[in-house]
Amino acid sequence: MADKKKMHEFLAECGVFYFGTVDGEKPVLRPLGFQMLHDGELYLGIGTHKAVYAQIKANPNVNICGTKPDGSSWIRIEGKVVFDDDPALVDAAFEAMPQLKPLYESNGWTMGILHLGEGKVTYFENLMVPVATEEW
């Protein structure tokens, strides 16, 4: 079983990480910075008005990749998205990243909260050496 707290802490050290989806037959990557650990689960928040949200709805298979600032190690997470409709998770997301709340409220946007229901994480060191792989 994968340690979600370890993944959360690793991504926090990365700061910005990359989130990959599929748009039709083409891969699409974008930088993200928000992720949170809540009740032992790693959550991401994505605006429901964004193309990435529609891409995940069409194909829930995603990848996350991040590198620590010193370039010494990186993480690859792959999995299948599960959408969470709990309003408490949206509140927790805005509490974790308060600068998002006024932006979303002033534009009438809705935050979609998701986690990976099944997946695999691999940790790498020295740029190419996989040191641990965990599944859930």
Protein backbone atom coordinates (compact mmCIF):
# COMPACT_ATOMS: atom_id res chain seq x y z
CA MET A 1 0.00 0.00 0.00
CA ALA A 2 1.37 3.38 -0.99
CA ASP A 3 2.15 5.92 1.72
CA LYS A 4 0.05 8.96 0.70
CA LYS A 5 1.70 11.14 3.36
CA LYS A 6 5.10 10.40 1.81
CA MET A 7 3.75 11.33 -1.64
CA HIS A 8 2.24 14.55 -0.24
CA GLU A 9 5.50 15.55 1.45
CA PHE A 10 7.55 14.76 -1.67
CA LEU A 11 5.24 16.85 -3.88
CA ALA A 12 5.34 19.68 -1.31
CA GLU A 13 9.15 19.69 -1.59
CA CYS A 14 8.85 19.84 -5.38
CA GLY A 15 6.62 22.90 -5.16
CA VAL A 16 5.39 22.84 -8.74
CA PHE A 17 4.66 19.44 -10.25
CA TYR A 18 3.24 18.37 -13.60
CA PHE A 19 -0.17 16.81 -14.14
CA GLY A 20 -0.71 14.81 -17.30
CA THR A 21 -4.03 13.96 -18.94
CA VAL A 22 -5.20 12.81 -22.35
CA ASP A 23 -7.02 15.13 -24.75
CA GLY A 24 -8.46 12.85 -27.41
CA GLU A 25 -5.36 10.94 -28.46
CA LYS A 26 -2.79 13.54 -27.35
CA PRO A 27 -1.08 13.80 -23.98
CA VAL A 28 -1.35 17.17 -22.22
CA LEU A 29 0.78 18.40 -19.31
CA ARG A 30 0.34 21.41 -17.10
CA PRO A 31 2.06 22.66 -13.94
CA LEU A 32 0.16 22.45 -10.66
CA GLY A 33 1.13 23.56 -7.21
CA PHE A 34 -1.88 22.63 -5.11
CA GLN A 35 -2.26 19.29 -3.41
CA MET A 36 -3.34 18.43 0.10
CA LEU A 37 -3.41 15.52 2.47
CA HIS A 38 -6.80 15.13 4.14
CA ASP A 39 -7.78 12.12 6.28
CA GLY A 40 -4.85 10.15 4.85
CA GLU A 41 -5.76 10.77 1.21
CA LEU A 42 -3.85 12.87 -1.31
CA TYR A 43 -6.22 15.34 -3.00
CA LEU A 44 -5.91 17.73 -5.92
CA GLY A 45 -8.23 20.61 -6.75
CA ILE A 46 -9.04 21.59 -10.32
CA GLY A 47 -11.52 24.15 -11.58
CA THR A 48 -14.53 22.53 -13.20
CA HIS A 49 -14.45 25.29 -15.84
CA LYS A 50 -11.03 24.18 -17.13
CA ALA A 51 -10.27 21.92 -20.10
CA VAL A 52 -8.27 19.63 -17.82
CA TYR A 53 -11.44 18.85 -15.86
CA ALA A 54 -13.26 17.83 -19.05
CA GLN A 55 -10.24 15.74 -20.09
CA ILE A 56 -10.29 13.85 -16.79
CA LYS A 57 -14.04 13.28 -17.07
CA ALA A 58 -13.49 11.77 -20.54
CA ASN A 59 -10.46 9.71 -19.50
CA PRO A 60 -9.68 9.43 -15.77
CA ASN A 61 -6.18 7.99 -16.29
CA VAL A 62 -3.58 10.58 -15.26
CA ASN A 63 0.09 11.01 -14.41
CA ILE A 64 1.82 13.32 -11.94
CA CYS A 65 5.52 14.03 -12.06
CA GLY A 66 7.65 16.28 -9.89
CA THR A 67 11.34 16.95 -9.31
CA LYS A 68 12.90 18.28 -6.13
CA PRO A 69 14.48 21.71 -6.65
CA ASP A 70 18.03 20.38 -6.39
CA GLY A 71 17.30 17.86 -9.17
CA SER A 72 18.48 14.94 -7.06
CA SER A 73 15.24 12.98 -7.05
CA TRP A 74 11.83 12.86 -8.63
CA ILE A 75 8.46 11.15 -8.36
CA ARG A 76 6.05 9.65 -10.87
CA ILE A 77 2.47 8.92 -9.84
CA GLU A 78 0.04 7.25 -12.19
CA GLY A 79 -3.54 6.40 -11.47
CA LYS A 80 -7.23 6.67 -12.11
CA VAL A 81 -9.09 9.73 -10.85
CA VAL A 82 -12.00 9.56 -8.42
CA PHE A 83 -14.07 12.76 -8.05
CA ASP A 84 -15.11 13.75 -4.53
CA ASP A 85 -18.24 15.88 -4.10
CA ASP A 86 -17.80 16.55 -0.37
CA PRO A 87 -18.08 20.35 0.17
CA ALA A 88 -15.83 19.97 3.25
CA LEU A 89 -12.99 19.04 0.90
CA VAL A 90 -13.47 22.25 -1.08
CA ASP A 91 -13.40 24.19 2.20
CA ALA A 92 -10.21 22.35 3.20
CA ALA A 93 -8.66 23.17 -0.19
CA PHE A 94 -9.44 26.88 0.20
CA GLU A 95 -8.08 26.77 3.75
CA ALA A 96 -4.85 25.18 2.50
CA MET A 97 -4.50 27.71 -0.34
CA PRO A 98 -6.55 30.76 0.71
CA GLN A 99 -5.54 32.90 -2.28
CA LEU A 100 -7.72 30.66 -4.48
CA LYS A 101 -11.01 31.30 -2.68
CA PRO A 102 -11.55 34.95 -3.72
CA LEU A 103 -10.49 34.14 -7.28
CA TYR A 104 -13.02 31.32 -7.52
CA GLU A 105 -15.78 33.26 -5.77
CA SER A 106 -15.36 36.45 -7.83
CA ASN A 107 -15.48 34.50 -11.10
CA GLY A 108 -18.29 32.12 -10.11
CA TRP A 109 -16.02 29.11 -10.57
CA THR A 110 -16.38 25.74 -8.83
CA MET A 111 -13.46 23.75 -7.46
CA GLY A 112 -13.47 20.05 -8.37
CA ILE A 113 -11.75 17.85 -5.79
CA LEU A 114 -10.23 14.54 -6.79
CA HIS A 115 -7.90 11.79 -5.67
CA LEU A 116 -6.46 8.71 -7.32
CA GLY A 117 -8.58 5.66 -6.53
CA GLU A 118 -6.00 3.21 -7.78
CA GLY A 119 -2.48 3.77 -8.88
CA LYS A 120 1.24 3.41 -8.55
CA VAL A 121 4.00 5.72 -7.34
CA THR A 122 7.68 5.37 -8.21
CA TYR A 123 10.46 7.35 -6.53
CA PHE A 124 13.68 7.99 -8.44
CA GLU A 125 17.14 9.12 -7.35
CA ASN A 126 20.20 10.18 -9.33
CA LEU A 127 17.91 11.15 -12.21
CA MET A 128 17.22 7.61 -13.45
CA VAL A 129 17.42 5.08 -10.63
CA PRO A 130 14.03 3.83 -9.37
CA VAL A 131 14.40 3.26 -5.63
CA ALA A 132 10.85 2.35 -4.62
CA THR A 133 7.53 1.52 -6.25
CA GLU A 134 4.28 1.26 -4.33
CA GLU A 135 0.76 0.48 -5.53
CA TRP A 136 -2.67 0.99 -4.03
